[in-house]
């Protein structure tokens, strides 16, 4: 499948997550989990860095292949393990 250029700058999912999950003042945090995402629009797969230490989260990202938006909801247990991932087309 050929890639098409996004109409807006695409800094990558990891960069968008840096804005969605800013580091807490006075702490250091390493992204420790990679999520495998399958786009609900085009079916292509890509990886997404996620820091489970930040807890459960829901956010919108663009597919790295077709640039269409999707909502991700990541459930993280109290001990920092990823329990589930839901992906929905926007």
N, C-alpha and C. Protein backbone atom coordinates (compact mmCIF):
# COMPACT_ATOMS: atom_id res chain seq x y z
N UNK A 1 0.85 -1.18 0.00
CA UNK A 1 0.00 0.00 0.00
C UNK A 1 0.89 1.23 0.00
N UNK A 2 0.59 2.20 -0.83
CA UNK A 2 1.41 3.40 -0.89
C UNK A 2 1.00 4.38 0.21
N UNK A 3 1.98 5.11 0.67
CA UNK A 3 1.71 6.11 1.70
C UNK A 3 1.31 7.41 1.03
N UNK A 4 0.40 8.12 1.67
CA UNK A 4 0.04 9.43 1.15
C UNK A 4 0.50 10.45 2.17
N UNK A 5 0.81 11.61 1.71
CA UNK A 5 1.28 12.66 2.61
C UNK A 5 0.11 13.21 3.42
N UNK A 6 0.35 13.38 4.70
CA UNK A 6 -0.67 13.97 5.56
C UNK A 6 -0.76 15.46 5.26
N UNK A 7 -1.94 16.01 5.39
CA UNK A 7 -2.12 17.44 5.12
C UNK A 7 -1.58 18.29 6.26
N UNK A 8 -1.32 17.66 7.40
CA UNK A 8 -0.74 18.38 8.54
C UNK A 8 0.57 17.71 8.92
N UNK A 9 1.45 18.44 9.62
CA UNK A 9 2.72 17.83 9.99
C UNK A 9 2.50 16.58 10.81
N UNK A 10 3.25 15.52 10.52
CA UNK A 10 3.17 14.28 11.28
C UNK A 10 4.50 14.08 11.98
N UNK A 11 4.53 14.37 13.27
CA UNK A 11 5.75 14.27 14.03
C UNK A 11 5.92 12.87 14.61
N UNK A 12 5.03 11.95 14.29
CA UNK A 12 5.10 10.59 14.81
C UNK A 12 4.33 10.47 16.10
N UNK A 13 3.86 9.27 16.36
CA UNK A 13 3.04 9.03 17.56
C UNK A 13 3.81 9.28 18.83
N UNK A 14 5.09 8.94 18.87
CA UNK A 14 5.87 9.13 20.09
C UNK A 14 5.96 10.61 20.45
N UNK A 15 6.11 11.47 19.45
CA UNK A 15 6.17 12.90 19.73
C UNK A 15 4.83 13.41 20.22
N UNK A 16 3.73 12.91 19.64
CA UNK A 16 2.41 13.35 20.10
C UNK A 16 2.17 12.90 21.53
N UNK A 17 2.64 11.70 21.87
CA UNK A 17 2.46 11.21 23.24
C UNK A 17 3.28 12.03 24.22
N UNK A 18 4.40 12.57 23.78
CA UNK A 18 5.19 13.40 24.68
C UNK A 18 4.38 14.62 25.11
N UNK A 19 3.54 15.14 24.22
CA UNK A 19 2.67 16.26 24.57
C UNK A 19 1.47 15.79 25.39
N UNK A 20 0.97 14.60 25.09
CA UNK A 20 -0.19 14.08 25.81
C UNK A 20 0.17 13.65 27.22
N UNK A 21 1.41 13.20 27.42
CA UNK A 21 1.86 12.72 28.72
C UNK A 21 3.16 13.41 29.10
N UNK A 22 3.11 14.71 29.45
CA UNK A 22 4.35 15.40 29.80
C UNK A 22 4.96 14.81 31.07
N UNK A 23 6.28 14.84 31.14
CA UNK A 23 6.97 14.32 32.32
C UNK A 23 6.59 15.14 33.55
N UNK A 24 6.46 14.47 34.66
CA UNK A 24 6.15 15.16 35.91
C UNK A 24 7.39 15.90 36.38
N UNK A 25 7.22 17.07 36.92
CA UNK A 25 8.31 17.88 37.41
C UNK A 25 9.07 17.12 38.49
N UNK A 26 10.38 17.03 38.34
CA UNK A 26 11.20 16.39 39.35
C UNK A 26 11.29 14.88 39.23
N UNK A 27 10.70 14.30 38.18
CA UNK A 27 10.78 12.85 38.01
C UNK A 27 11.30 12.53 36.62
N UNK A 28 11.85 11.37 36.47
CA UNK A 28 12.24 10.91 35.14
C UNK A 28 11.40 9.68 34.82
N UNK A 29 11.02 9.56 33.58
CA UNK A 29 10.17 8.46 33.18
C UNK A 29 10.61 7.96 31.82
N UNK A 30 10.79 6.68 31.69
CA UNK A 30 11.15 6.08 30.41
C UNK A 30 9.93 5.38 29.84
N UNK A 31 9.74 5.52 28.55
CA UNK A 31 8.66 4.80 27.89
C UNK A 31 9.05 3.33 27.91
N UNK A 32 8.20 2.50 28.50
CA UNK A 32 8.59 1.12 28.71
C UNK A 32 7.72 0.10 27.99
N UNK A 33 6.77 0.52 27.22
CA UNK A 33 5.91 -0.43 26.52
C UNK A 33 5.70 0.02 25.08
N UNK A 34 5.63 -0.94 24.18
CA UNK A 34 5.31 -0.66 22.79
C UNK A 34 3.99 -1.35 22.48
N UNK A 35 3.05 -0.57 22.01
CA UNK A 35 1.75 -1.11 21.64
C UNK A 35 1.73 -1.36 20.14
N UNK A 36 1.17 -2.46 19.73
CA UNK A 36 0.99 -2.73 18.32
C UNK A 36 -0.41 -2.28 17.94
N UNK A 37 -0.49 -1.33 17.04
CA UNK A 37 -1.76 -0.72 16.65
C UNK A 37 -2.11 -1.14 15.23
N UNK A 38 -3.37 -1.56 15.02
CA UNK A 38 -3.85 -1.82 13.67
C UNK A 38 -4.89 -0.75 13.35
N UNK A 39 -4.66 0.01 12.32
CA UNK A 39 -5.55 1.10 11.95
C UNK A 39 -6.93 0.55 11.56
N UNK A 40 -8.01 1.10 12.17
CA UNK A 40 -9.35 0.64 11.82
C UNK A 40 -9.80 1.12 10.43
N UNK A 41 -9.05 2.05 9.84
CA UNK A 41 -9.40 2.59 8.53
C UNK A 41 -8.73 1.81 7.40
N UNK A 42 -7.39 1.67 7.48
CA UNK A 42 -6.65 1.06 6.36
C UNK A 42 -6.14 -0.34 6.67
N UNK A 43 -6.17 -0.76 7.94
CA UNK A 43 -5.74 -2.10 8.31
C UNK A 43 -4.25 -2.27 8.49
N UNK A 44 -3.47 -1.22 8.24
CA UNK A 44 -2.01 -1.29 8.41
C UNK A 44 -1.65 -1.27 9.89
N UNK A 45 -0.54 -1.91 10.23
CA UNK A 45 -0.07 -1.95 11.62
C UNK A 45 1.13 -1.05 11.81
N UNK A 46 1.26 -0.48 13.01
CA UNK A 46 2.43 0.30 13.38
C UNK A 46 2.58 0.25 14.89
N UNK A 47 3.75 0.60 15.38
CA UNK A 47 4.03 0.57 16.81
C UNK A 47 3.82 1.94 17.42
N UNK A 48 3.47 1.93 18.69
CA UNK A 48 3.25 3.17 19.42
C UNK A 48 3.89 3.03 20.78
N UNK A 49 4.74 3.96 21.15
CA UNK A 49 5.38 3.95 22.46
C UNK A 49 4.38 4.44 23.50
N UNK A 50 4.36 3.77 24.65
CA UNK A 50 3.42 4.14 25.71
C UNK A 50 4.08 3.88 27.06
N UNK A 51 3.95 4.82 27.98
CA UNK A 51 4.51 4.67 29.32
C UNK A 51 3.39 4.24 30.26
N UNK A 52 3.34 2.95 30.59
CA UNK A 52 2.29 2.42 31.46
C UNK A 52 2.35 3.01 32.86
N UNK A 53 3.50 3.54 33.25
CA UNK A 53 3.62 4.14 34.59
C UNK A 53 2.72 5.37 34.75
N UNK A 54 2.31 5.96 33.64
CA UNK A 54 1.43 7.12 33.68
C UNK A 54 -0.02 6.73 33.96
N UNK A 55 -0.34 5.44 33.85
CA UNK A 55 -1.70 4.97 34.12
C UNK A 55 -2.56 4.91 32.88
N UNK A 56 -3.83 4.60 33.09
CA UNK A 56 -4.77 4.48 31.98
C UNK A 56 -4.93 5.82 31.26
N UNK A 57 -5.21 5.74 29.97
CA UNK A 57 -5.34 6.98 29.18
C UNK A 57 -6.21 6.73 27.97
N UNK A 58 -6.77 7.81 27.46
CA UNK A 58 -7.53 7.78 26.22
C UNK A 58 -7.10 9.00 25.41
N UNK A 59 -6.79 8.80 24.14
CA UNK A 59 -6.32 9.91 23.33
C UNK A 59 -6.58 9.61 21.86
N UNK A 60 -6.47 10.64 21.02
CA UNK A 60 -6.67 10.52 19.58
C UNK A 60 -5.32 10.65 18.90
N UNK A 61 -5.04 9.71 17.98
CA UNK A 61 -3.82 9.78 17.18
C UNK A 61 -4.19 9.59 15.72
N UNK A 62 -3.29 9.97 14.83
CA UNK A 62 -3.46 9.74 13.40
C UNK A 62 -2.69 8.49 13.01
N UNK A 63 -3.25 7.72 12.10
CA UNK A 63 -2.56 6.55 11.56
C UNK A 63 -1.28 7.03 10.88
N UNK A 64 -0.18 6.33 11.08
CA UNK A 64 1.08 6.71 10.46
C UNK A 64 1.13 6.36 8.98
N UNK A 65 0.13 5.62 8.49
CA UNK A 65 0.10 5.24 7.08
C UNK A 65 -0.92 6.09 6.31
N UNK A 66 -2.18 6.08 6.76
CA UNK A 66 -3.23 6.78 6.00
C UNK A 66 -3.60 8.15 6.59
N UNK A 67 -3.06 8.48 7.74
CA UNK A 67 -3.24 9.79 8.39
C UNK A 67 -4.65 10.04 8.94
N UNK A 68 -5.50 9.04 8.96
CA UNK A 68 -6.85 9.23 9.49
C UNK A 68 -6.84 9.05 11.00
N UNK A 69 -7.70 9.77 11.72
CA UNK A 69 -7.67 9.73 13.19
C UNK A 69 -8.36 8.50 13.77
N UNK A 70 -7.88 8.12 14.94
CA UNK A 70 -8.49 7.02 15.69
C UNK A 70 -8.35 7.33 17.18
N UNK A 71 -9.27 6.80 17.97
CA UNK A 71 -9.22 6.96 19.42
C UNK A 71 -8.65 5.69 20.03
N UNK A 72 -7.66 5.85 20.91
CA UNK A 72 -7.08 4.73 21.64
C UNK A 72 -7.43 4.89 23.11
N UNK A 73 -7.84 3.81 23.73
CA UNK A 73 -8.08 3.78 25.18
C UNK A 73 -7.23 2.64 25.73
N UNK A 74 -6.27 2.99 26.59
CA UNK A 74 -5.37 2.01 27.18
C UNK A 74 -5.72 1.88 28.66
N UNK A 75 -5.99 0.64 29.09
CA UNK A 75 -6.27 0.38 30.51
C UNK A 75 -5.03 -0.20 31.15
N UNK A 76 -4.62 0.43 32.26
CA UNK A 76 -3.42 -0.01 32.98
C UNK A 76 -3.84 -0.37 34.41
N UNK A 77 -3.36 -1.52 34.89
CA UNK A 77 -3.68 -1.97 36.24
C UNK A 77 -2.93 -1.13 37.27
N UNK A 78 -3.29 -1.30 38.53
CA UNK A 78 -2.63 -0.57 39.62
C UNK A 78 -1.14 -0.88 39.72
N UNK A 79 -0.74 -2.08 39.27
CA UNK A 79 0.68 -2.43 39.33
C UNK A 79 1.43 -2.08 38.04
N UNK A 80 0.80 -1.30 37.15
CA UNK A 80 1.49 -0.79 35.97
C UNK A 80 1.50 -1.71 34.76
N UNK A 81 0.68 -2.74 34.76
CA UNK A 81 0.60 -3.65 33.61
C UNK A 81 -0.55 -3.23 32.70
N UNK A 82 -0.32 -3.29 31.39
CA UNK A 82 -1.38 -2.96 30.43
C UNK A 82 -2.40 -4.09 30.43
N UNK A 83 -3.65 -3.76 30.74
CA UNK A 83 -4.73 -4.75 30.80
C UNK A 83 -5.52 -4.83 29.52
N UNK A 84 -5.62 -3.73 28.80
CA UNK A 84 -6.43 -3.75 27.59
C UNK A 84 -6.19 -2.54 26.71
N UNK A 85 -6.55 -2.68 25.45
CA UNK A 85 -6.40 -1.62 24.48
C UNK A 85 -7.61 -1.63 23.57
N UNK A 86 -8.28 -0.49 23.45
CA UNK A 86 -9.42 -0.37 22.55
C UNK A 86 -9.09 0.68 21.50
N UNK A 87 -9.39 0.36 20.25
CA UNK A 87 -9.12 1.27 19.14
C UNK A 87 -10.42 1.48 18.38
N UNK A 88 -10.79 2.73 18.18
CA UNK A 88 -12.02 3.06 17.44
C UNK A 88 -11.72 4.11 16.39
N UNK A 89 -12.36 3.98 15.24
CA UNK A 89 -12.24 4.97 14.19
C UNK A 89 -12.93 6.26 14.63
N UNK A 90 -12.36 7.38 14.26
CA UNK A 90 -12.95 8.69 14.57
C UNK A 90 -13.93 9.07 13.50
